[in-house]
Amino acid sequence: MTLLEVRDLAVEFNTPDGIVKAVKGVDFSVDSGQVLGLVGESGSGKSVTSLAVMGLHRGAKVTGSVKFEGTELIGADPEAVRKLRGRRMAMIFQDALTSLHPYFTIGDQISEAHREHFGSSKKVSWARAVEVLGDVGIPEPARRAGEYPHQFSGGMRQRAMIALALACEPDLIIADEPTTALDVTVQAQVLDLLVKLKDERGLGVIMITHDLGVIARVADQVLVMYGGSAIEQADADTMFALPRHPYTRGLLDSLPRLDSDGEELRAIPGSPPSLLNPPAGCAFHPRCAVYAASPHDGCTAARPPLLEVVQGHRSACSHPEVTE
């Protein structure tokens, strides 16, 4: 079942320097029991997209369509969206220490969210907080629910954030860089926990990251973003085996490999584009090795649309065959 359907999503910010077009014409959907990976460099529009889905932008111009189980959220009554947020759609933020309130215990914060959406008594909501803390693998949840965020380790705080997201039994979870600043072992534990919960509860998950290793571990579908636009989409196995956009190929080539025989990593030259003054045509063309080797007007005349190259695989490149 399709939980979330996003079509032609655009987000603009009016700044003293001009209009920042942070997201331009993004399309994707998420089904129950599916993990969609949003990947790209910092500034590519991943987090802005997720906040637009959750209705958390203030002062931004958001256009297009965001439908949750068929209900349009763009332009909807803010109170109706607020009731969905946390109850049916939840978000795990990047930095748990700054996302959790330092003056309230973990249990208070989880039980308050549950009480807000269900109107339960304090006793019932506290019991729910203890239950979800146990579900995410926090030992002695009844005791630890009475502790403050600073008393938790980084990995335990991230688990507490997941518990907070799960407290109201949502259907969709957006995880924004949930393993940032965690060591490799704890990263693996957190990712395994999310996949386990997704499988057990049939959750739809949007995993936002710049780490392709995370995507390879958990994602079913992958959407690659660059300069505020979606530039490639495919299932994870296909994306890693045969990328159809030079940017995706560049990301993959920059990863360390066990079979590299000591070869140096190949970085993508240059920097991400300015969203105030983006380059003409394909935003990636100034950094593109394919364009540098064989320049042509198709890369600079207009922004290439995201089109199906083969069944189930879309690319926004004037010549997607170059990575075969």
C-alpha atoms as a PDB file:
ATOM      1  CA  MET A   1       0.000   0.000   0.000  1.00  0.00           C
ATOM      2  CA  THR A   2       1.299   3.458  -0.905  1.00  0.00           C
ATOM      3  CA  LEU A   3       1.671   5.557   2.250  1.00  0.00           C
ATOM      4  CA  LEU A   4       3.247   8.682   0.836  1.00  0.00           C
ATOM      5  CA  GLU A   5       3.135  10.129  -2.661  1.00  0.00           C
ATOM      6  CA  VAL A   6       5.151  13.262  -3.465  1.00  0.00           C
ATOM      7  CA  ARG A   7       4.773  14.953  -6.842  1.00  0.00           C
ATOM      8  CA  ASP A   8       6.538  18.032  -8.232  1.00  0.00           C
ATOM      9  CA  LEU A   9       7.547  19.212  -4.757  1.00  0.00           C
ATOM     10  CA  ALA A  10       9.281  22.602  -4.727  1.00  0.00           C
ATOM     11  CA  VAL A  11      10.531  24.648  -1.753  1.00  0.00           C
ATOM     12  CA  GLU A  12      11.747  28.232  -2.015  1.00  0.00           C
ATOM     13  CA  PHE A  13      13.133  30.621   0.608  1.00  0.00           C
ATOM     14  CA  ASN A  14      13.085  34.387   0.166  1.00  0.00           C
ATOM     15  CA  THR A  15      16.401  35.725   1.520  1.00  0.00           C
ATOM     16  CA  PRO A  16      18.070  39.182   1.449  1.00  0.00           C
ATOM     17  CA  ASP A  17      20.322  37.877  -1.335  1.00  0.00           C
ATOM     18  CA  GLY A  18      17.473  36.532  -3.451  1.00  0.00           C
ATOM     19  CA  ILE A  19      15.257  33.478  -3.793  1.00  0.00           C
ATOM     20  CA  VAL A  20      16.844  30.178  -2.792  1.00  0.00           C
ATOM     21  CA  LYS A  21      15.269  27.326  -4.737  1.00  0.00           C
ATOM     22  CA  ALA A  22      16.154  24.597  -2.249  1.00  0.00           C
ATOM     23  CA  VAL A  23      14.013  21.855  -3.819  1.00  0.00           C
ATOM     24  CA  LYS A  24      12.848  21.728  -7.427  1.00  0.00           C
ATOM     25  CA  GLY A  25      10.252  19.329  -8.806  1.00  0.00           C
ATOM     26  CA  VAL A  26      10.956  16.232  -6.695  1.00  0.00           C
ATOM     27  CA  ASP A  27       8.813  13.087  -7.159  1.00  0.00           C
ATOM     28  CA  PHE A  28       8.829   9.882  -5.102  1.00  0.00           C
ATOM     29  CA  SER A  29       6.567   7.498  -3.214  1.00  0.00           C
ATOM     30  CA  VAL A  30       6.927   5.252  -0.168  1.00  0.00           C
ATOM     31  CA  ASP A  31       5.031   2.005   0.434  1.00  0.00           C
ATOM     32  CA  SER A  32       4.305   0.204   3.696  1.00  0.00           C
ATOM     33  CA  GLY A  33       7.255  -1.976   4.680  1.00  0.00           C
ATOM     34  CA  GLN A  34       9.624  -0.128   2.328  1.00  0.00           C
ATOM     35  CA  VAL A  35      12.759   1.914   3.011  1.00  0.00           C
ATOM     36  CA  LEU A  36      13.429   4.768   0.593  1.00  0.00           C
ATOM     37  CA  GLY A  37      16.960   6.136   0.807  1.00  0.00           C
ATOM     38  CA  LEU A  38      17.455   9.840   0.037  1.00  0.00           C
ATOM     39  CA  VAL A  39      21.137  10.347  -0.677  1.00  0.00           C
ATOM     40  CA  GLY A  40      23.325  13.254  -1.751  1.00  0.00           C
ATOM     41  CA  GLU A  41      25.935  15.719  -0.555  1.00  0.00           C
ATOM     42  CA  SER A  42      25.163  18.325   2.096  1.00  0.00           C
ATOM     43  CA  GLY A  43      22.998  21.038   0.563  1.00  0.00           C
ATOM     44  CA  SER A  44      21.385  18.750  -2.005  1.00  0.00           C
ATOM     45  CA  GLY A  45      17.885  19.274  -0.561  1.00  0.00           C
ATOM     46  CA  LYS A  46      17.357  16.040   1.361  1.00  0.00           C
ATOM     47  CA  SER A  47      16.433  17.514   4.745  1.00  0.00           C
ATOM     48  CA  VAL A  48      14.451  20.375   3.194  1.00  0.00           C
ATOM     49  CA  THR A  49      12.389  17.755   1.347  1.00  0.00           C
ATOM     50  CA  SER A  50      11.700  15.810   4.538  1.00  0.00           C
ATOM     51  CA  LEU A  51      10.686  18.911   6.491  1.00  0.00           C
ATOM     52  CA  ALA A  52       8.318  19.869   3.663  1.00  0.00           C
ATOM     53  CA  VAL A  53       6.694  16.420   3.889  1.00  0.00           C
ATOM     54  CA  MET A  54       6.231  16.904   7.637  1.00  0.00           C
ATOM     55  CA  GLY A  55       4.878  20.440   7.201  1.00  0.00           C
ATOM     56  CA  LEU A  56       7.631  21.926   9.378  1.00  0.00           C
ATOM     57  CA  HIS A  57       8.804  24.777   7.157  1.00  0.00           C
ATOM     58  CA  ARG A  58       8.010  28.295   8.311  1.00  0.00           C
ATOM     59  CA  GLY A  59       8.287  31.225   5.932  1.00  0.00           C
ATOM     60  CA  ALA A  60       9.003  29.009   2.928  1.00  0.00           C
ATOM     61  CA  LYS A  61       6.992  28.739  -0.258  1.00  0.00           C
ATOM     62  CA  VAL A  62       6.076  25.061  -0.660  1.00  0.00           C
ATOM     63  CA  THR A  63       4.279  23.936  -3.816  1.00  0.00           C
ATOM     64  CA  GLY A  64       3.455  20.657  -5.489  1.00  0.00           C
ATOM     65  CA  SER A  65       1.673  17.718  -3.915  1.00  0.00           C
ATOM     66  CA  VAL A  66       2.337  15.658  -0.778  1.00  0.00           C
ATOM     67  CA  LYS A  67      -0.324  13.009  -0.197  1.00  0.00           C
ATOM     68  CA  PHE A  68      -0.353  10.804   2.882  1.00  0.00           C
ATOM     69  CA  GLU A  69      -2.663   7.840   2.325  1.00  0.00           C
ATOM     70  CA  GLY A  70      -4.436   9.906  -0.322  1.00  0.00           C
ATOM     71  CA  THR A  71      -4.872  13.035   1.836  1.00  0.00           C
ATOM     72  CA  GLU A  72      -3.271  16.178   0.411  1.00  0.00           C
ATOM     73  CA  LEU A  73      -1.034  17.926   2.953  1.00  0.00           C
ATOM     74  CA  ILE A  74       0.160  20.931   0.923  1.00  0.00           C
ATOM     75  CA  GLY A  75      -2.261  23.745   1.690  1.00  0.00           C
ATOM     76  CA  ALA A  76      -4.158  21.624   4.221  1.00  0.00           C
ATOM     77  CA  ASP A  77      -5.398  22.982   7.553  1.00  0.00           C
ATOM     78  CA  PRO A  78      -2.295  23.302   9.805  1.00  0.00           C
ATOM     79  CA  GLU A  79      -4.139  21.754  12.733  1.00  0.00           C
ATOM     80  CA  ALA A  80      -5.031  18.689  10.662  1.00  0.00           C
ATOM     81  CA  VAL A  81      -1.393  18.302   9.616  1.00  0.00           C
ATOM     82  CA  ARG A  82      -0.259  18.729  13.223  1.00  0.00           C
ATOM     83  CA  LYS A  83      -2.533  15.869  14.291  1.00  0.00           C
ATOM     84  CA  LEU A  84      -0.979  13.622  11.656  1.00  0.00           C
ATOM     85  CA  ARG A  85       2.539  14.651  12.613  1.00  0.00           C
ATOM     86  CA  GLY A  86       3.780  12.469  15.430  1.00  0.00           C
ATOM     87  CA  ARG A  87       0.685  10.260  15.303  1.00  0.00           C
ATOM     88  CA  ARG A  88       0.786   8.873  11.752  1.00  0.00           C
ATOM     89  CA  MET A  89       4.067  10.398  10.535  1.00  0.00           C
ATOM     90  CA  ALA A  90       7.086  10.721  12.801  1.00  0.00           C
ATOM     91  CA  MET A  91      10.626  12.021  12.410  1.00  0.00           C
ATOM     92  CA  ILE A  92      13.939  10.979  13.910  1.00  0.00           C
ATOM     93  CA  PHE A  93      16.192  14.020  13.886  1.00  0.00           C
ATOM     94  CA  GLN A  94      19.907  14.090  13.226  1.00  0.00           C
ATOM     95  CA  ASP A  95      21.223  15.229  16.608  1.00  0.00           C
ATOM     96  CA  ALA A  96      19.431  13.543  19.475  1.00  0.00           C
ATOM     97  CA  LEU A  97      21.127  15.648  22.160  1.00  0.00           C
ATOM     98  CA  THR A  98      19.786  18.920  20.753  1.00  0.00           C
ATOM     99  CA  SER A  99      16.428  17.424  19.709  1.00  0.00           C
ATOM    100  CA  LEU A 100      15.591  16.133  23.195  1.00  0.00           C
ATOM    101  CA  HIS A 101      14.729  18.731  25.847  1.00  0.00           C
ATOM    102  CA  PRO A 102      17.472  18.836  28.504  1.00  0.00           C
ATOM    103  CA  TYR A 103      15.120  19.839  31.356  1.00  0.00           C
ATOM    104  CA  PHE A 104      12.703  16.907  31.087  1.00  0.00           C
ATOM    105  CA  THR A 105      13.292  13.196  31.537  1.00  0.00           C
ATOM    106  CA  ILE A 106      13.204  10.850  28.568  1.00  0.00           C
ATOM    107  CA  GLY A 107      10.036   9.251  29.924  1.00  0.00           C
ATOM    108  CA  ASP A 108       8.313  12.622  30.349  1.00  0.00           C
ATOM    109  CA  GLN A 109       9.034  13.585  26.750  1.00  0.00           C
ATOM    110  CA  ILE A 110       7.774  10.305  25.308  1.00  0.00           C
ATOM    111  CA  SER A 111       4.696  10.150  27.534  1.00  0.00           C
ATOM    112  CA  GLU A 112       3.794  13.768  26.747  1.00  0.00           C
ATOM    113  CA  ALA A 113       3.745  13.000  23.009  1.00  0.00           C
ATOM    114  CA  HIS A 114       1.569   9.939  23.615  1.00  0.00           C
ATOM    115  CA  ARG A 115      -0.809  11.838  25.892  1.00  0.00           C
ATOM    116  CA  GLU A 116      -1.126  14.693  23.368  1.00  0.00           C
ATOM    117  CA  HIS A 117      -2.295  12.413  20.567  1.00  0.00           C
ATOM    118  CA  PHE A 118      -4.323   9.830  22.501  1.00  0.00           C
ATOM    119  CA  GLY A 119      -5.630  11.814  25.465  1.00  0.00           C
ATOM    120  CA  SER A 120      -4.423   9.064  27.800  1.00  0.00           C
ATOM    121  CA  SER A 121      -3.831   9.428  31.511  1.00  0.00           C
ATOM    122  CA  LYS A 122      -0.318  10.149  32.784  1.00  0.00           C
ATOM    123  CA  LYS A 123      -0.076   6.607  34.124  1.00  0.00           C
ATOM    124  CA  VAL A 124      -1.024   4.989  30.804  1.00  0.00           C
ATOM    125  CA  SER A 125       1.282   7.262  28.787  1.00  0.00           C
ATOM    126  CA  TRP A 126       4.191   6.643  31.172  1.00  0.00           C
ATOM    127  CA  ALA A 127       3.674   2.900  30.808  1.00  0.00           C
ATOM    128  CA  ARG A 128       3.752   3.348  27.030  1.00  0.00           C
ATOM    129  CA  ALA A 129       7.023   5.289  27.321  1.00  0.00           C
ATOM    130  CA  VAL A 130       8.602   2.473  29.320  1.00  0.00           C
ATOM    131  CA  GLU A 131       7.274  -0.071  26.816  1.00  0.00           C
ATOM    132  CA  VAL A 132       8.762   1.616  23.737  1.00  0.00           C
ATOM    133  CA  LEU A 133      12.091   2.197  25.486  1.00  0.00           C
ATOM    134  CA  GLY A 134      12.215  -1.530  26.064  1.00  0.00           C
ATOM    135  CA  ASP A 135      11.201  -2.180  22.443  1.00  0.00           C
ATOM    136  CA  VAL A 136      14.234  -0.259  21.150  1.00  0.00           C
ATOM    137  CA  GLY A 137      16.651  -2.173  23.352  1.00  0.00           C
ATOM    138  CA  ILE A 138      17.279   0.205  26.233  1.00  0.00           C
ATOM    139  CA  PRO A 139      18.084  -1.877  29.344  1.00  0.00           C
ATOM    140  CA  GLU A 140      16.084  -1.325  32.534  1.00  0.00           C
ATOM    141  CA  PRO A 141      13.565   0.908  30.708  1.00  0.00           C
ATOM    142  CA  ALA A 142      11.483   1.613  33.831  1.00  0.00           C
ATOM    143  CA  ARG A 143      14.509   3.124  35.554  1.00  0.00           C
ATOM    144  CA  ARG A 144      16.027   4.841  32.567  1.00  0.00           C
ATOM    145  CA  ALA A 145      12.741   6.511  31.646  1.00  0.00           C
ATOM    146  CA  GLY A 146      13.318   8.701  34.715  1.00  0.00           C
ATOM    147  CA  GLU A 147      16.735   9.863  33.499  1.00  0.00           C
ATOM    148  CA  TYR A 148      17.663  12.963  31.471  1.00  0.00           C
ATOM    149  CA  PRO A 149      19.154  13.050  27.953  1.00  0.00           C
ATOM    150  CA  HIS A 150      22.654  13.922  29.217  1.00  0.00           C
ATOM    151  CA  GLN A 151      22.660  10.690  31.235  1.00  0.00           C
ATOM    152  CA  PHE A 152      22.344   8.630  28.046  1.00  0.00           C
ATOM    153  CA  SER A 153      25.210   7.721  25.716  1.00  0.00           C
ATOM    154  CA  GLY A 154      25.024   8.820  22.067  1.00  0.00           C
ATOM    155  CA  GLY A 155      23.704   5.455  20.923  1.00  0.00           C
ATOM    156  CA  MET A 156      21.162   5.282  23.756  1.00  0.00           C
ATOM    157  CA  ARG A 157      19.952   8.825  22.976  1.00  0.00           C
ATOM    158  CA  GLN A 158      19.417   7.801  19.368  1.00  0.00           C
ATOM    159  CA  ARG A 159      17.432   4.789  20.554  1.00  0.00           C
ATOM    160  CA  ALA A 160      15.399   7.113  22.769  1.00  0.00           C
ATOM    161  CA  MET A 161      14.668   9.289  19.716  1.00  0.00           C
ATOM    162  CA  ILE A 162      13.454   6.196  17.875  1.00  0.00           C
ATOM    163  CA  ALA A 163      11.288   5.303  20.884  1.00  0.00           C
ATOM    164  CA  LEU A 164       9.818   8.826  20.837  1.00  0.00           C
ATOM    165  CA  ALA A 165       9.003   8.420  17.137  1.00  0.00           C
ATOM    166  CA  LEU A 166       7.381   5.011  17.771  1.00  0.00           C
ATOM    167  CA  ALA A 167       5.355   5.998  20.829  1.00  0.00           C
ATOM    168  CA  CYS A 168       2.196   6.769  18.844  1.00  0.00           C
ATOM    169  CA  GLU A 169       2.603   3.817  16.445  1.00  0.00           C
ATOM    170  CA  PRO A 170       3.081   5.829  13.224  1.00  0.00           C
ATOM    171  CA  ASP A 171       2.858   4.364   9.746  1.00  0.00           C
ATOM    172  CA  LEU A 172       5.706   6.447   8.301  1.00  0.00           C
ATOM    173  CA  ILE A 173       9.049   7.384   9.861  1.00  0.00           C
ATOM    174  CA  ILE A 174      11.521   9.872   8.399  1.00  0.00           C
ATOM    175  CA  ALA A 175      15.038   9.302   9.730  1.00  0.00           C
ATOM    176  CA  ASP A 176      17.295  12.289   9.045  1.00  0.00           C
ATOM    177  CA  GLU A 177      20.941  11.176   9.298  1.00  0.00           C
ATOM    178  CA  PRO A 178      20.108   8.966  12.325  1.00  0.00           C
ATOM    179  CA  THR A 179      23.643   7.578  12.659  1.00  0.00           C
ATOM    180  CA  THR A 180      25.599  10.856  12.487  1.00  0.00           C
ATOM    181  CA  ALA A 181      28.427  11.089  15.066  1.00  0.00           C
ATOM    182  CA  LEU A 182      27.934   7.488  16.211  1.00  0.00           C
ATOM    183  CA  ASP A 183      30.751   4.976  16.102  1.00  0.00           C
ATOM    184  CA  VAL A 184      30.548   2.184  13.537  1.00  0.00           C
ATOM    185  CA  THR A 185      29.328  -0.482  15.952  1.00  0.00           C
ATOM    186  CA  VAL A 186      26.540   1.715  17.322  1.00  0.00           C
ATOM    187  CA  GLN A 187      25.617   2.796  13.768  1.00  0.00           C
ATOM    188  CA  ALA A 188      25.090  -0.840  12.844  1.00  0.00           C
ATOM    189  CA  GLN A 189      22.945  -1.423  15.939  1.00  0.00           C
ATOM    190  CA  VAL A 190      20.730   1.579  15.209  1.00  0.00           C
ATOM    191  CA  LEU A 191      20.293   0.620  11.539  1.00  0.00           C
ATOM    192  CA  ASP A 192      19.523  -2.999  12.409  1.00  0.00           C
ATOM    193  CA  LEU A 193      16.949  -1.773  14.925  1.00  0.00           C
ATOM    194  CA  LEU A 194      15.207   0.396  12.311  1.00  0.00           C
ATOM    195  CA  VAL A 195      15.087  -2.482   9.820  1.00  0.00           C
ATOM    196  CA  LYS A 196      13.765  -4.847  12.509  1.00  0.00           C
ATOM    197  CA  LEU A 197      11.016  -2.412  13.479  1.00  0.00           C
ATOM    198  CA  LYS A 198      10.166  -1.814   9.815  1.00  0.00           C
ATOM    199  CA  ASP A 199       9.809  -5.550   9.196  1.00  0.00           C
ATOM    200  CA  GLU A 200       7.814  -6.221  12.365  1.00  0.00           C
ATOM    201  CA  ARG A 201       5.413  -3.291  12.046  1.00  0.00           C
ATOM    202  CA  GLY A 202       5.244  -2.739   8.275  1.00  0.00           C
ATOM    203  CA  LEU A 203       6.495   0.828   8.610  1.00  0.00           C
ATOM    204  CA  GLY A 204       7.346   2.977   5.642  1.00  0.00           C
ATOM    205  CA  VAL A 205      10.755   4.591   6.214  1.00  0.00           C
ATOM    206  CA  ILE A 206      12.556   7.482   4.511  1.00  0.00           C
ATOM    207  CA  MET A 207      16.258   7.232   5.331  1.00  0.00           C
ATOM    208  CA  ILE A 208      18.114  10.499   4.682  1.00  0.00           C
ATOM    209  CA  THR A 209      21.882  10.227   4.518  1.00  0.00           C
ATOM    210  CA  HIS A 210      25.019  11.123   2.596  1.00  0.00           C
ATOM    211  CA  ASP A 211      26.498   7.723   3.511  1.00  0.00           C
ATOM    212  CA  LEU A 212      26.097   5.187   0.706  1.00  0.00           C
ATOM    213  CA  GLY A 213      27.112   2.431   3.110  1.00  0.00           C
ATOM    214  CA  VAL A 214      23.965   3.139   5.134  1.00  0.00           C
ATOM    215  CA  ILE A 215      21.883   3.082   1.960  1.00  0.00           C
ATOM    216  CA  ALA A 216      23.373  -0.253   0.889  1.00  0.00           C
ATOM    217  CA  ARG A 217      22.558  -1.735   4.275  1.00  0.00           C
ATOM    218  CA  VAL A 218      18.919  -0.719   4.660  1.00  0.00           C
ATOM    219  CA  ALA A 219      17.304   0.793   1.537  1.00  0.00           C
ATOM    220  CA  ASP A 220      14.940  -0.907  -0.917  1.00  0.00           C
ATOM    221  CA  GLN A 221      14.663   2.105  -3.248  1.00  0.00           C
ATOM    222  CA  VAL A 222      17.185   4.935  -3.650  1.00  0.00           C
ATOM    223  CA  LEU A 223      16.604   8.540  -4.728  1.00  0.00           C
ATOM    224  CA  VAL A 224      19.776  10.532  -5.438  1.00  0.00           C
ATOM    225  CA  MET A 225      19.513  14.320  -5.066  1.00  0.00           C
ATOM    226  CA  TYR A 226      21.825  17.053  -6.324  1.00  0.00           C
ATOM    227  CA  GLY A 227      21.374  20.819  -6.309  1.00  0.00           C
ATOM    228  CA  GLY A 228      17.805  20.530  -5.023  1.00  0.00           C
ATOM    229  CA  SER A 229      16.675  18.103  -7.737  1.00  0.00           C
ATOM    230  CA  ALA A 230      16.210  14.360  -7.981  1.00  0.00           C
ATOM    231  CA  ILE A 231      18.743  13.106 -10.518  1.00  0.00           C
ATOM    232  CA  GLU A 232      18.438   9.304 -10.279  1.00  0.00           C
ATOM    233  CA  GLN A 233      16.078   6.718  -8.827  1.00  0.00           C
ATOM    234  CA  ALA A 234      16.200   2.926  -8.833  1.00  0.00           C
ATOM    235  CA  ASP A 235      16.100  -0.059  -6.486  1.00  0.00           C
ATOM    236  CA  ALA A 236      19.213  -0.303  -4.325  1.00  0.00           C
ATOM    237  CA  ASP A 237      20.749  -3.338  -6.044  1.00  0.00           C
ATOM    238  CA  THR A 238      20.419  -1.754  -9.488  1.00  0.00           C
ATOM    239  CA  MET A 239      21.736   1.613  -8.300  1.00  0.00           C
ATOM    240  CA  PHE A 240      24.916   0.108  -6.911  1.00  0.00           C
ATOM    241  CA  ALA A 241      25.440  -2.288  -9.823  1.00  0.00           C
ATOM    242  CA  LEU A 242      24.709   0.075 -12.711  1.00  0.00           C
ATOM    243  CA  PRO A 243      24.263   3.778 -11.912  1.00  0.00           C
ATOM    244  CA  ARG A 244      22.949   5.853 -14.827  1.00  0.00           C
ATOM    245  CA  HIS A 245      24.031   9.328 -13.748  1.00  0.00           C
ATOM    246  CA  PRO A 246      27.664  10.547 -13.603  1.00  0.00           C
ATOM    247  CA  TYR A 247      27.058  12.061 -10.157  1.00  0.00           C
ATOM    248  CA  THR A 248      25.935   8.726  -8.719  1.00  0.00           C
ATOM    249  CA  ARG A 249      28.935   7.065 -10.345  1.00  0.00           C
ATOM    250  CA  GLY A 250      31.150   9.712  -8.738  1.00  0.00           C
ATOM    251  CA  LEU A 251      29.668   9.028  -5.313  1.00  0.00           C
ATOM    252  CA  LEU A 252      30.276   5.309  -5.709  1.00  0.00           C
ATOM    253  CA  ASP A 253      33.829   5.816  -6.973  1.00  0.00           C
ATOM    254  CA  SER A 254      34.636   7.899  -3.904  1.00  0.00           C
ATOM    255  CA  LEU A 255      33.933   4.953  -1.591  1.00  0.00           C
ATOM    256  CA  PRO A 256      36.802   2.790  -0.331  1.00  0.00           C
ATOM    257  CA  ARG A 257      36.726  -0.732  -1.788  1.00  0.00           C
ATOM    258  CA  LEU A 258      38.236  -3.990  -0.573  1.00  0.00           C
ATOM    259  CA  ASP A 259      39.337  -4.870  -4.134  1.00  0.00           C
ATOM    260  CA  SER A 260      40.951  -1.494  -4.895  1.00  0.00           C
ATOM    261  CA  ASP A 261      44.576  -2.806  -4.587  1.00  0.00           C
ATOM    262  CA  GLY A 262      45.667   0.375  -2.842  1.00  0.00           C
ATOM    263  CA  GLU A 263      44.241   2.764  -5.441  1.00  0.00           C
ATOM    264  CA  GLU A 264      43.572   6.296  -4.237  1.00  0.00           C
ATOM    265  CA  LEU A 265      39.957   7.326  -3.776  1.00  0.00           C
ATOM    266  CA  ARG A 266      38.554   9.382  -6.641  1.00  0.00           C
ATOM    267  CA  ALA A 267      36.875  12.510  -5.317  1.00  0.00           C
ATOM    268  CA  ILE A 268      34.345  14.504  -7.336  1.00  0.00           C
ATOM    269  CA  PRO A 269      36.085  17.779  -8.269  1.00  0.00           C
ATOM    270  CA  GLY A 270      34.559  21.144  -7.411  1.00  0.00           C
ATOM    271  CA  SER A 271      31.754  22.014  -5.004  1.00  0.00           C
ATOM    272  CA  PRO A 272      27.963  21.679  -4.965  1.00  0.00           C
ATOM    273  CA  PRO A 273      26.175  24.478  -6.867  1.00  0.00           C
ATOM    274  CA  SER A 274      24.867  27.677  -5.362  1.00  0.00           C
ATOM    275  CA  LEU A 275      21.113  27.458  -4.963  1.00  0.00           C
ATOM    276  CA  LEU A 276      20.926  31.230  -5.431  1.00  0.00           C
ATOM    277  CA  ASN A 277      22.719  31.169  -8.784  1.00  0.00           C
ATOM    278  CA  PRO A 278      22.703  27.608 -10.092  1.00  0.00           C
ATOM    279  CA  PRO A 279      24.461  26.808 -13.371  1.00  0.00           C
ATOM    280  CA  ALA A 280      22.407  26.643 -16.549  1.00  0.00           C
ATOM    281  CA  GLY A 281      21.070  23.268 -17.609  1.00  0.00           C
ATOM    282  CA  CYS A 282      22.186  20.238 -15.617  1.00  0.00           C
ATOM    283  CA  ALA A 283      23.406  21.513 -12.254  1.00  0.00           C
ATOM    284  CA  PHE A 284      26.136  18.869 -12.199  1.00  0.00           C
ATOM    285  CA  HIS A 285      27.709  19.655 -15.556  1.00  0.00           C
ATOM    286  CA  PRO A 286      30.499  21.932 -14.176  1.00  0.00           C
ATOM    287  CA  ARG A 287      31.791  18.955 -12.150  1.00  0.00           C
ATOM    288  CA  CYS A 288      30.922  16.203 -14.617  1.00  0.00           C
ATOM    289  CA  ALA A 289      33.783  14.176 -16.108  1.00  0.00           C
ATOM    290  CA  VAL A 290      31.569  13.072 -18.994  1.00  0.00           C
ATOM    291  CA  TYR A 291      30.720  16.676 -19.920  1.00  0.00           C
ATOM    292  CA  ALA A 292      34.371  17.691 -19.576  1.00  0.00           C
ATOM    293  CA  ALA A 293      35.398  14.927 -21.976  1.00  0.00           C
ATOM    294  CA  SER A 294      32.643  15.624 -24.523  1.00  0.00           C
ATOM    295  CA  PRO A 295      30.808  18.944 -24.009  1.00  0.00           C
ATOM    296  CA  HIS A 296      27.485  19.370 -25.772  1.00  0.00           C
ATOM    297  CA  ASP A 297      24.436  21.610 -25.607  1.00  0.00           C
ATOM    298  CA  GLY A 298      22.188  18.962 -24.047  1.00  0.00           C
ATOM    299  CA  CYS A 299      23.948  19.474 -20.711  1.00  0.00           C
ATOM    300  CA  THR A 300      23.661  23.271 -20.618  1.00  0.00           C
ATOM    301  CA  ALA A 301      20.471  24.147 -22.504  1.00  0.00           C
ATOM    302  CA  ALA A 302      17.932  22.998 -19.903  1.00  0.00           C
ATOM    303  CA  ARG A 303      17.701  20.925 -16.731  1.00  0.00           C
ATOM    304  CA  PRO A 304      17.261  17.311 -17.883  1.00  0.00           C
ATOM    305  CA  PRO A 305      14.019  15.723 -16.651  1.00  0.00           C
ATOM    306  CA  LEU A 306      14.037  12.549 -14.564  1.00  0.00           C
ATOM    307  CA  LEU A 307      13.073   9.957 -17.182  1.00  0.00           C
ATOM    308  CA  GLU A 308      12.888   6.176 -17.198  1.00  0.00           C
ATOM    309  CA  VAL A 309      15.995   4.722 -18.838  1.00  0.00           C
ATOM    310  CA  VAL A 310      15.014   1.101 -18.310  1.00  0.00           C
ATOM    311  CA  GLN A 311      12.027  -0.263 -16.416  1.00  0.00           C
ATOM    312  CA  GLY A 312      12.123   0.980 -12.823  1.00  0.00           C
ATOM    313  CA  HIS A 313      15.279   3.055 -13.287  1.00  0.00           C
ATOM    314  CA  ARG A 314      15.085   6.814 -13.859  1.00  0.00           C
ATOM    315  CA  SER A 315      17.905   9.237 -14.593  1.00  0.00           C
ATOM    316  CA  ALA A 316      18.099  12.988 -15.224  1.00  0.00           C
ATOM    317  CA  CYS A 317      21.041  12.859 -17.628  1.00  0.00           C
ATOM    318  CA  SER A 318      21.258  13.778 -21.301  1.00  0.00           C
ATOM    319  CA  HIS A 319      23.259  10.614 -21.970  1.00  0.00           C
ATOM    320  CA  PRO A 320      22.589   8.034 -19.209  1.00  0.00           C
ATOM    321  CA  GLU A 321      24.247   5.286 -21.222  1.00  0.00           C
ATOM    322  CA  VAL A 322      27.698   6.660 -20.330  1.00  0.00           C
ATOM    323  CA  THR A 323      27.902   4.724 -17.081  1.00  0.00           C
ATOM    324  CA  GLU A 324      27.143   1.341 -18.560  1.00  0.00           C
END
